């Protein structure tokens, strides 16, 4: 499979004048078989940036949601309003309540900003499943990612309740997997379950051991130093050609990856394009 991935929403912007940044992520995947949107950002920049980059989101017929946080799902309503009905793929847990508590703050809701009923009324047709599955030719959703690596503890500031009593393991976390002639290309939303856990799962499920590129949020900016160290060590064993960090990658973690993988790490801000 050949195609192109373009980052439409991210915390930062690249050199293309007139684009806007926000805390969130969205990427457009264009192949010969059609266009697919992976995540939708918060909602303030998706349509603007797509128009600025001359990407017609009316041609998108499928949307894949990585997980049910506001900064990945907030653009779904504007997309439906302006670009018509869409089939939306994701995990059954994307509508669960989610909260964050950091530095003594009160529980702040960070879940989906819209209900399923509301979005269905706006033209969304949901296809929700926790399993690894093909959603378009040579394009897969990872499904729920088992947490097997001891060092990938993830973000400890996420909870299922506003009081902070029930830690949220973000079981709905999924990544997009594309089979190409160069190997697998992974598009990550936040990769809450960990990059290594995710890489191991998709290699097992696809039978393809080559990883050509990983692009998107890796949440290392919100994870421990031990997780960053373990991730760097394991990443070096895969022979990945391109590691493209977005959204929740964090400045310090990205600087570390750039140092460890010279010429292979790239900041993937708004406007960044990966040819497959």
C-alpha atoms as a PDB file:
ATOM      1  CA  UNK A   1       0.000   0.000   0.000  1.00  0.00           C
ATOM      2  CA  UNK A   2       1.119   3.512  -0.821  1.00  0.00           C
ATOM      3  CA  UNK A   3      -0.278   6.728   0.562  1.00  0.00           C
ATOM      4  CA  UNK A   4       0.250   9.844   2.628  1.00  0.00           C
ATOM      5  CA  UNK A   5      -0.286  10.802   6.278  1.00  0.00           C
ATOM      6  CA  UNK A   6      -0.769  14.475   7.117  1.00  0.00           C
ATOM      7  CA  UNK A   7      -0.960  15.888  10.647  1.00  0.00           C
ATOM      8  CA  UNK A   8      -3.977  18.220  10.791  1.00  0.00           C
ATOM      9  CA  UNK A   9      -4.114  18.922  14.549  1.00  0.00           C
ATOM     10  CA  UNK A  10      -1.250  19.138  17.003  1.00  0.00           C
ATOM     11  CA  UNK A  11       0.023  21.248  19.891  1.00  0.00           C
ATOM     12  CA  UNK A  12       2.491  22.967  17.584  1.00  0.00           C
ATOM     13  CA  UNK A  13       2.551  24.154  14.004  1.00  0.00           C
ATOM     14  CA  UNK A  14       5.157  23.681  11.313  1.00  0.00           C
ATOM     15  CA  UNK A  15       6.378  26.159   8.719  1.00  0.00           C
ATOM     16  CA  UNK A  16       3.099  26.390   6.794  1.00  0.00           C
ATOM     17  CA  UNK A  17       1.781  29.909   7.428  1.00  0.00           C
ATOM     18  CA  UNK A  18      -1.810  30.314   8.583  1.00  0.00           C
ATOM     19  CA  UNK A  19      -2.166  26.978  10.377  1.00  0.00           C
ATOM     20  CA  UNK A  20      -3.190  26.838  14.045  1.00  0.00           C
ATOM     21  CA  UNK A  21      -2.160  24.676  16.987  1.00  0.00           C
ATOM     22  CA  UNK A  22      -4.159  23.275  19.909  1.00  0.00           C
ATOM     23  CA  UNK A  23      -3.628  20.605  22.559  1.00  0.00           C
ATOM     24  CA  UNK A  24      -4.874  17.657  20.542  1.00  0.00           C
ATOM     25  CA  UNK A  25      -4.186  15.375  17.615  1.00  0.00           C
ATOM     26  CA  UNK A  26      -5.663  14.453  14.248  1.00  0.00           C
ATOM     27  CA  UNK A  27      -4.114  12.908  11.149  1.00  0.00           C
ATOM     28  CA  UNK A  28      -5.466  12.399   7.639  1.00  0.00           C
ATOM     29  CA  UNK A  29      -4.566   9.126   5.917  1.00  0.00           C
ATOM     30  CA  UNK A  30      -4.930   9.193   2.119  1.00  0.00           C
ATOM     31  CA  UNK A  31      -4.528   6.030   0.046  1.00  0.00           C
ATOM     32  CA  UNK A  32      -5.698   4.776  -3.325  1.00  0.00           C
ATOM     33  CA  UNK A  33      -8.738   3.206  -1.643  1.00  0.00           C
ATOM     34  CA  UNK A  34      -9.908   6.450   0.016  1.00  0.00           C
ATOM     35  CA  UNK A  35      -9.360   8.884   2.871  1.00  0.00           C
ATOM     36  CA  UNK A  36      -9.585   8.161   6.588  1.00  0.00           C
ATOM     37  CA  UNK A  37      -9.324  10.539   9.546  1.00  0.00           C
ATOM     38  CA  UNK A  38      -7.594   9.340  12.703  1.00  0.00           C
ATOM     39  CA  UNK A  39      -8.791  11.438  15.669  1.00  0.00           C
ATOM     40  CA  UNK A  40     -10.228  14.940  15.391  1.00  0.00           C
ATOM     41  CA  UNK A  41      -8.389  17.194  17.849  1.00  0.00           C
ATOM     42  CA  UNK A  42     -10.288  19.448  20.260  1.00  0.00           C
ATOM     43  CA  UNK A  43     -12.411  20.939  17.491  1.00  0.00           C
ATOM     44  CA  UNK A  44     -11.047  24.467  17.073  1.00  0.00           C
ATOM     45  CA  UNK A  45      -8.447  23.798  14.372  1.00  0.00           C
ATOM     46  CA  UNK A  46      -9.421  20.691  12.372  1.00  0.00           C
ATOM     47  CA  UNK A  47     -11.495  22.339   9.655  1.00  0.00           C
ATOM     48  CA  UNK A  48      -9.322  25.461   9.501  1.00  0.00           C
ATOM     49  CA  UNK A  49      -6.077  23.539   9.053  1.00  0.00           C
ATOM     50  CA  UNK A  50      -7.576  21.117   6.546  1.00  0.00           C
ATOM     51  CA  UNK A  51      -8.782  24.044   4.441  1.00  0.00           C
ATOM     52  CA  UNK A  52      -5.415  25.794   4.717  1.00  0.00           C
ATOM     53  CA  UNK A  53      -3.695  22.611   3.499  1.00  0.00           C
ATOM     54  CA  UNK A  54      -6.290  22.062   0.772  1.00  0.00           C
ATOM     55  CA  UNK A  55      -7.467  18.754   2.207  1.00  0.00           C
ATOM     56  CA  UNK A  56     -11.163  18.148   1.517  1.00  0.00           C
ATOM     57  CA  UNK A  57     -12.592  16.373   4.576  1.00  0.00           C
ATOM     58  CA  UNK A  58     -15.888  15.834   2.755  1.00  0.00           C
ATOM     59  CA  UNK A  59     -14.065  13.002   0.959  1.00  0.00           C
ATOM     60  CA  UNK A  60     -13.386  11.258   4.274  1.00  0.00           C
ATOM     61  CA  UNK A  61     -15.874   8.433   4.770  1.00  0.00           C
ATOM     62  CA  UNK A  62     -14.319   6.824   7.855  1.00  0.00           C
ATOM     63  CA  UNK A  63     -13.108   8.224  11.162  1.00  0.00           C
ATOM     64  CA  UNK A  64     -11.091   6.170  13.658  1.00  0.00           C
ATOM     65  CA  UNK A  65     -10.970   7.307  17.289  1.00  0.00           C
ATOM     66  CA  UNK A  66      -7.878   6.363  19.300  1.00  0.00           C
ATOM     67  CA  UNK A  67      -9.550   6.840  22.714  1.00  0.00           C
ATOM     68  CA  UNK A  68     -12.262   8.845  24.389  1.00  0.00           C
ATOM     69  CA  UNK A  69     -10.436  12.001  25.513  1.00  0.00           C
ATOM     70  CA  UNK A  70     -11.680  15.466  24.550  1.00  0.00           C
ATOM     71  CA  UNK A  71      -8.476  16.426  22.725  1.00  0.00           C
ATOM     72  CA  UNK A  72      -8.954  13.566  20.258  1.00  0.00           C
ATOM     73  CA  UNK A  73     -12.734  13.631  19.860  1.00  0.00           C
ATOM     74  CA  UNK A  74     -13.815  17.274  20.183  1.00  0.00           C
ATOM     75  CA  UNK A  75     -13.621  17.874  16.432  1.00  0.00           C
ATOM     76  CA  UNK A  76     -16.111  15.137  15.625  1.00  0.00           C
ATOM     77  CA  UNK A  77     -19.152  17.379  15.866  1.00  0.00           C
ATOM     78  CA  UNK A  78     -17.733  20.178  13.636  1.00  0.00           C
ATOM     79  CA  UNK A  79     -16.661  17.508  11.157  1.00  0.00           C
ATOM     80  CA  UNK A  80     -20.176  16.074  10.989  1.00  0.00           C
ATOM     81  CA  UNK A  81     -21.725  19.536  10.750  1.00  0.00           C
ATOM     82  CA  UNK A  82     -19.646  20.681   7.812  1.00  0.00           C
ATOM     83  CA  UNK A  83     -18.644  17.476   6.056  1.00  0.00           C
ATOM     84  CA  UNK A  84     -21.659  15.195   6.405  1.00  0.00           C
ATOM     85  CA  UNK A  85     -22.288  11.771   7.975  1.00  0.00           C
ATOM     86  CA  UNK A  86     -19.301   9.569   8.824  1.00  0.00           C
ATOM     87  CA  UNK A  87     -18.747   6.002   9.973  1.00  0.00           C
ATOM     88  CA  UNK A  88     -16.808   6.149  13.235  1.00  0.00           C
ATOM     89  CA  UNK A  89     -14.617   3.276  14.461  1.00  0.00           C
ATOM     90  CA  UNK A  90     -13.331   2.870  17.991  1.00  0.00           C
ATOM     91  CA  UNK A  91     -13.488   0.921  21.250  1.00  0.00           C
ATOM     92  CA  UNK A  92     -16.690   0.386  23.237  1.00  0.00           C
ATOM     93  CA  UNK A  93     -15.223   2.420  26.098  1.00  0.00           C
ATOM     94  CA  UNK A  94     -14.775   5.756  24.323  1.00  0.00           C
ATOM     95  CA  UNK A  95     -17.827   7.290  26.022  1.00  0.00           C
ATOM     96  CA  UNK A  96     -16.759   6.397  29.588  1.00  0.00           C
ATOM     97  CA  UNK A  97     -16.244   9.159  32.143  1.00  0.00           C
ATOM     98  CA  UNK A  98     -12.586  10.293  32.414  1.00  0.00           C
ATOM     99  CA  UNK A  99     -10.851  12.714  34.773  1.00  0.00           C
ATOM    100  CA  UNK A 100      -7.417  14.082  35.479  1.00  0.00           C
ATOM    101  CA  UNK A 101      -5.983  15.148  38.851  1.00  0.00           C
ATOM    102  CA  UNK A 102      -2.554  16.782  38.901  1.00  0.00           C
ATOM    103  CA  UNK A 103      -0.677  18.810  41.521  1.00  0.00           C
ATOM    104  CA  UNK A 104      -3.569  18.873  43.980  1.00  0.00           C
ATOM    105  CA  UNK A 105      -6.151  20.199  41.518  1.00  0.00           C
ATOM    106  CA  UNK A 106      -9.769  19.093  41.654  1.00  0.00           C
ATOM    107  CA  UNK A 107     -10.871  16.364  39.293  1.00  0.00           C
ATOM    108  CA  UNK A 108     -11.270  17.810  35.799  1.00  0.00           C
ATOM    109  CA  UNK A 109     -13.364  16.023  33.194  1.00  0.00           C
ATOM    110  CA  UNK A 110     -11.393  15.130  30.075  1.00  0.00           C
ATOM    111  CA  UNK A 111     -13.782  12.664  28.451  1.00  0.00           C
ATOM    112  CA  UNK A 112     -15.775  12.844  25.239  1.00  0.00           C
ATOM    113  CA  UNK A 113     -17.515  16.243  25.125  1.00  0.00           C
ATOM    114  CA  UNK A 114     -20.595  14.788  23.377  1.00  0.00           C
ATOM    115  CA  UNK A 115     -22.884  11.849  24.048  1.00  0.00           C
ATOM    116  CA  UNK A 116     -23.267   8.983  21.621  1.00  0.00           C
ATOM    117  CA  UNK A 117     -26.928   9.847  21.090  1.00  0.00           C
ATOM    118  CA  UNK A 118     -26.094  13.440  20.185  1.00  0.00           C
ATOM    119  CA  UNK A 119     -23.395  12.469  17.684  1.00  0.00           C
ATOM    120  CA  UNK A 120     -25.629   9.836  16.097  1.00  0.00           C
ATOM    121  CA  UNK A 121     -28.222  12.557  15.659  1.00  0.00           C
ATOM    122  CA  UNK A 122     -25.602  14.604  13.828  1.00  0.00           C
ATOM    123  CA  UNK A 123     -24.790  11.803  11.387  1.00  0.00           C
ATOM    124  CA  UNK A 124     -22.246   9.572  13.141  1.00  0.00           C
ATOM    125  CA  UNK A 125     -22.593   5.822  12.638  1.00  0.00           C
ATOM    126  CA  UNK A 126     -20.554   4.061  15.317  1.00  0.00           C
ATOM    127  CA  UNK A 127     -18.750   0.740  14.846  1.00  0.00           C
ATOM    128  CA  UNK A 128     -17.245  -0.045  18.253  1.00  0.00           C
ATOM    129  CA  UNK A 129     -15.101  -3.075  19.033  1.00  0.00           C
ATOM    130  CA  UNK A 130     -12.174  -3.926  21.319  1.00  0.00           C
ATOM    131  CA  UNK A 131     -10.511  -6.393  18.950  1.00  0.00           C
ATOM    132  CA  UNK A 132      -7.770  -6.081  16.341  1.00  0.00           C
ATOM    133  CA  UNK A 133      -9.524  -5.612  13.003  1.00  0.00           C
ATOM    134  CA  UNK A 134      -9.172  -4.395   9.432  1.00  0.00           C
ATOM    135  CA  UNK A 135     -11.257  -1.283   8.740  1.00  0.00           C
ATOM    136  CA  UNK A 136     -10.013  -0.597   5.184  1.00  0.00           C
ATOM    137  CA  UNK A 137      -7.666  -2.415   2.790  1.00  0.00           C
ATOM    138  CA  UNK A 138      -4.334  -2.873   4.662  1.00  0.00           C
ATOM    139  CA  UNK A 139      -5.476  -0.494   7.427  1.00  0.00           C
ATOM    140  CA  UNK A 140      -6.133  -1.923  10.886  1.00  0.00           C
ATOM    141  CA  UNK A 141      -7.072  -0.813  14.369  1.00  0.00           C
ATOM    142  CA  UNK A 142      -4.894  -2.392  17.044  1.00  0.00           C
ATOM    143  CA  UNK A 143      -7.783  -3.064  19.386  1.00  0.00           C
ATOM    144  CA  UNK A 144      -7.239  -3.050  23.133  1.00  0.00           C
ATOM    145  CA  UNK A 145      -3.519  -3.205  23.940  1.00  0.00           C
ATOM    146  CA  UNK A 146      -2.454  -5.523  26.812  1.00  0.00           C
ATOM    147  CA  UNK A 147      -0.003  -3.900  29.229  1.00  0.00           C
ATOM    148  CA  UNK A 148       2.781  -6.493  29.445  1.00  0.00           C
ATOM    149  CA  UNK A 149       5.930  -4.392  29.823  1.00  0.00           C
ATOM    150  CA  UNK A 150       6.585  -3.699  33.513  1.00  0.00           C
ATOM    151  CA  UNK A 151       8.218  -0.320  32.809  1.00  0.00           C
ATOM    152  CA  UNK A 152       5.245   1.007  30.802  1.00  0.00           C
ATOM    153  CA  UNK A 153       3.192   2.263  33.739  1.00  0.00           C
ATOM    154  CA  UNK A 154       1.692   5.144  31.783  1.00  0.00           C
ATOM    155  CA  UNK A 155       0.176   8.373  33.072  1.00  0.00           C
ATOM    156  CA  UNK A 156      -0.614   8.162  36.794  1.00  0.00           C
ATOM    157  CA  UNK A 157      -2.733  11.329  36.761  1.00  0.00           C
ATOM    158  CA  UNK A 158      -5.744   9.774  34.997  1.00  0.00           C
ATOM    159  CA  UNK A 159      -8.834   8.498  36.810  1.00  0.00           C
ATOM    160  CA  UNK A 160     -12.285   7.061  36.164  1.00  0.00           C
ATOM    161  CA  UNK A 161     -13.853   9.253  38.882  1.00  0.00           C
ATOM    162  CA  UNK A 162     -13.602  12.918  39.861  1.00  0.00           C
ATOM    163  CA  UNK A 163     -12.381  12.035  43.362  1.00  0.00           C
ATOM    164  CA  UNK A 164      -9.318  10.265  42.025  1.00  0.00           C
ATOM    165  CA  UNK A 165     -10.050   6.911  43.656  1.00  0.00           C
ATOM    166  CA  UNK A 166     -10.073   4.677  40.568  1.00  0.00           C
ATOM    167  CA  UNK A 167      -7.005   4.873  38.279  1.00  0.00           C
ATOM    168  CA  UNK A 168      -7.820   4.931  34.579  1.00  0.00           C
ATOM    169  CA  UNK A 169      -5.789   2.471  32.497  1.00  0.00           C
ATOM    170  CA  UNK A 170      -7.451   3.865  29.343  1.00  0.00           C
ATOM    171  CA  UNK A 171      -8.490   0.429  28.053  1.00  0.00           C
ATOM    172  CA  UNK A 172     -10.010   2.009  24.938  1.00  0.00           C
ATOM    173  CA  UNK A 173      -6.542   3.105  23.769  1.00  0.00           C
ATOM    174  CA  UNK A 174      -5.996   1.993  20.153  1.00  0.00           C
ATOM    175  CA  UNK A 175      -3.556   2.793  17.374  1.00  0.00           C
ATOM    176  CA  UNK A 176      -3.897   2.697  13.604  1.00  0.00           C
ATOM    177  CA  UNK A 177      -1.767   0.184  11.715  1.00  0.00           C
ATOM    178  CA  UNK A 178      -0.956   0.406   8.008  1.00  0.00           C
ATOM    179  CA  UNK A 179       0.703  -2.359   6.000  1.00  0.00           C
ATOM    180  CA  UNK A 180       3.116  -0.954   3.417  1.00  0.00           C
ATOM    181  CA  UNK A 181       5.864  -2.359   1.244  1.00  0.00           C
ATOM    182  CA  UNK A 182       8.416  -0.846   3.623  1.00  0.00           C
ATOM    183  CA  UNK A 183       6.892  -2.445   6.710  1.00  0.00           C
ATOM    184  CA  UNK A 184       4.265  -1.363   9.206  1.00  0.00           C
ATOM    185  CA  UNK A 185       3.393   2.271   9.802  1.00  0.00           C
ATOM    186  CA  UNK A 186       1.739   3.048  13.153  1.00  0.00           C
ATOM    187  CA  UNK A 187      -0.315   6.165  13.827  1.00  0.00           C
ATOM    188  CA  UNK A 188      -0.657   6.812  17.561  1.00  0.00           C
ATOM    189  CA  UNK A 189      -3.208   8.996  19.313  1.00  0.00           C
ATOM    190  CA  UNK A 190      -1.652   9.040  22.783  1.00  0.00           C
ATOM    191  CA  UNK A 191      -0.503   5.424  23.028  1.00  0.00           C
ATOM    192  CA  UNK A 192      -1.503   5.292  26.705  1.00  0.00           C
ATOM    193  CA  UNK A 193      -0.735   1.571  26.838  1.00  0.00           C
ATOM    194  CA  UNK A 194       2.864   2.236  25.815  1.00  0.00           C
ATOM    195  CA  UNK A 195       4.763   2.253  22.540  1.00  0.00           C
ATOM    196  CA  UNK A 196       6.469  -1.078  23.169  1.00  0.00           C
ATOM    197  CA  UNK A 197       3.282  -2.856  24.232  1.00  0.00           C
ATOM    198  CA  UNK A 198       1.641  -1.511  21.082  1.00  0.00           C
ATOM    199  CA  UNK A 199       4.510  -2.430  18.759  1.00  0.00           C
ATOM    200  CA  UNK A 200       4.667  -5.951  20.128  1.00  0.00           C
ATOM    201  CA  UNK A 201       0.928  -6.450  19.714  1.00  0.00           C
ATOM    202  CA  UNK A 202       0.708  -5.258  16.114  1.00  0.00           C
ATOM    203  CA  UNK A 203       3.753  -7.273  15.039  1.00  0.00           C
ATOM    204  CA  UNK A 204       2.135 -10.363  16.523  1.00  0.00           C
ATOM    205  CA  UNK A 205      -1.288  -9.719  15.005  1.00  0.00           C
ATOM    206  CA  UNK A 206      -0.084  -8.770  11.506  1.00  0.00           C
ATOM    207  CA  UNK A 207       2.775 -11.260  11.245  1.00  0.00           C
ATOM    208  CA  UNK A 208       4.967  -8.408   9.955  1.00  0.00           C
ATOM    209  CA  UNK A 209       8.083  -7.738  12.040  1.00  0.00           C
ATOM    210  CA  UNK A 210       9.359  -4.716  10.087  1.00  0.00           C
ATOM    211  CA  UNK A 211       8.341  -1.309  11.478  1.00  0.00           C
ATOM    212  CA  UNK A 212       8.958   1.474   8.978  1.00  0.00           C
ATOM    213  CA  UNK A 213       7.519   4.439  10.885  1.00  0.00           C
ATOM    214  CA  UNK A 214       5.700   5.473  14.046  1.00  0.00           C
ATOM    215  CA  UNK A 215       3.907   8.827  14.026  1.00  0.00           C
ATOM    216  CA  UNK A 216       1.755  10.593  16.605  1.00  0.00           C
ATOM    217  CA  UNK A 217       1.496  11.039  20.360  1.00  0.00           C
ATOM    218  CA  UNK A 218       3.483   8.645  22.534  1.00  0.00           C
ATOM    219  CA  UNK A 219       2.631  10.158  25.957  1.00  0.00           C
ATOM    220  CA  UNK A 220       6.248  10.013  27.056  1.00  0.00           C
ATOM    221  CA  UNK A 221       5.868  13.637  28.102  1.00  0.00           C
ATOM    222  CA  UNK A 222       3.530  12.462  30.898  1.00  0.00           C
ATOM    223  CA  UNK A 223       5.338   9.239  31.808  1.00  0.00           C
ATOM    224  CA  UNK A 224       8.162   8.405  34.211  1.00  0.00           C
ATOM    225  CA  UNK A 225      11.883   8.570  33.501  1.00  0.00           C
ATOM    226  CA  UNK A 226      11.968   4.796  33.930  1.00  0.00           C
ATOM    227  CA  UNK A 227       9.404   4.411  31.150  1.00  0.00           C
ATOM    228  CA  UNK A 228      11.335   6.755  28.875  1.00  0.00           C
ATOM    229  CA  UNK A 229      14.573   4.834  29.512  1.00  0.00           C
ATOM    230  CA  UNK A 230      12.902   1.482  28.871  1.00  0.00           C
ATOM    231  CA  UNK A 231      11.214   2.748  25.729  1.00  0.00           C
ATOM    232  CA  UNK A 232      14.441   4.141  24.286  1.00  0.00           C
ATOM    233  CA  UNK A 233      16.247   0.870  24.968  1.00  0.00           C
ATOM    234  CA  UNK A 234      13.565  -1.265  23.324  1.00  0.00           C
ATOM    235  CA  UNK A 235      13.010   1.075  20.359  1.00  0.00           C
ATOM    236  CA  UNK A 236      16.625   0.590  19.390  1.00  0.00           C
ATOM    237  CA  UNK A 237      15.955  -3.095  18.711  1.00  0.00           C
ATOM    238  CA  UNK A 238      13.249  -2.575  16.069  1.00  0.00           C
ATOM    239  CA  UNK A 239      15.210  -0.825  13.325  1.00  0.00           C
ATOM    240  CA  UNK A 240      12.510   1.818  12.861  1.00  0.00           C
ATOM    241  CA  UNK A 241      13.301   4.253  10.047  1.00  0.00           C
ATOM    242  CA  UNK A 242      11.155   7.169  11.238  1.00  0.00           C
ATOM    243  CA  UNK A 243       9.967   8.089  14.736  1.00  0.00           C
ATOM    244  CA  UNK A 244       7.692  11.126  14.446  1.00  0.00           C
ATOM    245  CA  UNK A 245       6.580  12.659  17.745  1.00  0.00           C
ATOM    246  CA  UNK A 246       3.402  14.712  18.175  1.00  0.00           C
ATOM    247  CA  UNK A 247       0.997  16.073  20.777  1.00  0.00           C
ATOM    248  CA  UNK A 248       1.840  14.425  24.134  1.00  0.00           C
ATOM    249  CA  UNK A 249       5.414  13.439  23.274  1.00  0.00           C
ATOM    250  CA  UNK A 250       6.767  16.267  25.440  1.00  0.00           C
ATOM    251  CA  UNK A 251       9.785  18.483  24.803  1.00  0.00           C
ATOM    252  CA  UNK A 252      12.256  16.682  27.084  1.00  0.00           C
ATOM    253  CA  UNK A 253      11.300  13.197  25.886  1.00  0.00           C
ATOM    254  CA  UNK A 254      11.413  14.334  22.242  1.00  0.00           C
ATOM    255  CA  UNK A 255      14.871  15.832  22.780  1.00  0.00           C
ATOM    256  CA  UNK A 256      16.009  12.511  24.224  1.00  0.00           C
ATOM    257  CA  UNK A 257      14.609  10.586  21.257  1.00  0.00           C
ATOM    258  CA  UNK A 258      16.247  13.006  18.833  1.00  0.00           C
ATOM    259  CA  UNK A 259      19.597  12.464  20.562  1.00  0.00           C
ATOM    260  CA  UNK A 260      19.238   8.674  20.704  1.00  0.00           C
ATOM    261  CA  UNK A 261      17.959   8.308  17.125  1.00  0.00           C
ATOM    262  CA  UNK A 262      19.742  10.983  15.050  1.00  0.00           C
ATOM    263  CA  UNK A 263      18.202  11.478  11.639  1.00  0.00           C
ATOM    264  CA  UNK A 264      15.282   9.211  12.517  1.00  0.00           C
ATOM    265  CA  UNK A 265      13.324  11.314  15.003  1.00  0.00           C
ATOM    266  CA  UNK A 266      11.157  14.113  13.561  1.00  0.00           C
ATOM    267  CA  UNK A 267       8.766  16.540  15.310  1.00  0.00           C
ATOM    268  CA  UNK A 268       5.409  15.899  13.592  1.00  0.00           C
ATOM    269  CA  UNK A 269       3.587  19.196  14.001  1.00  0.00           C
ATOM    270  CA  UNK A 270       0.618  20.572  12.049  1.00  0.00           C
ATOM    271  CA  UNK A 271       1.424  20.211   8.355  1.00  0.00           C
ATOM    272  CA  UNK A 272       3.932  17.374   8.746  1.00  0.00           C
ATOM    273  CA  UNK A 273       3.532  14.811   5.963  1.00  0.00           C
ATOM    274  CA  UNK A 274       4.761  11.232   5.853  1.00  0.00           C
ATOM    275  CA  UNK A 275       4.836   9.523   2.474  1.00  0.00           C
ATOM    276  CA  UNK A 276       4.378   5.749   2.554  1.00  0.00           C
END
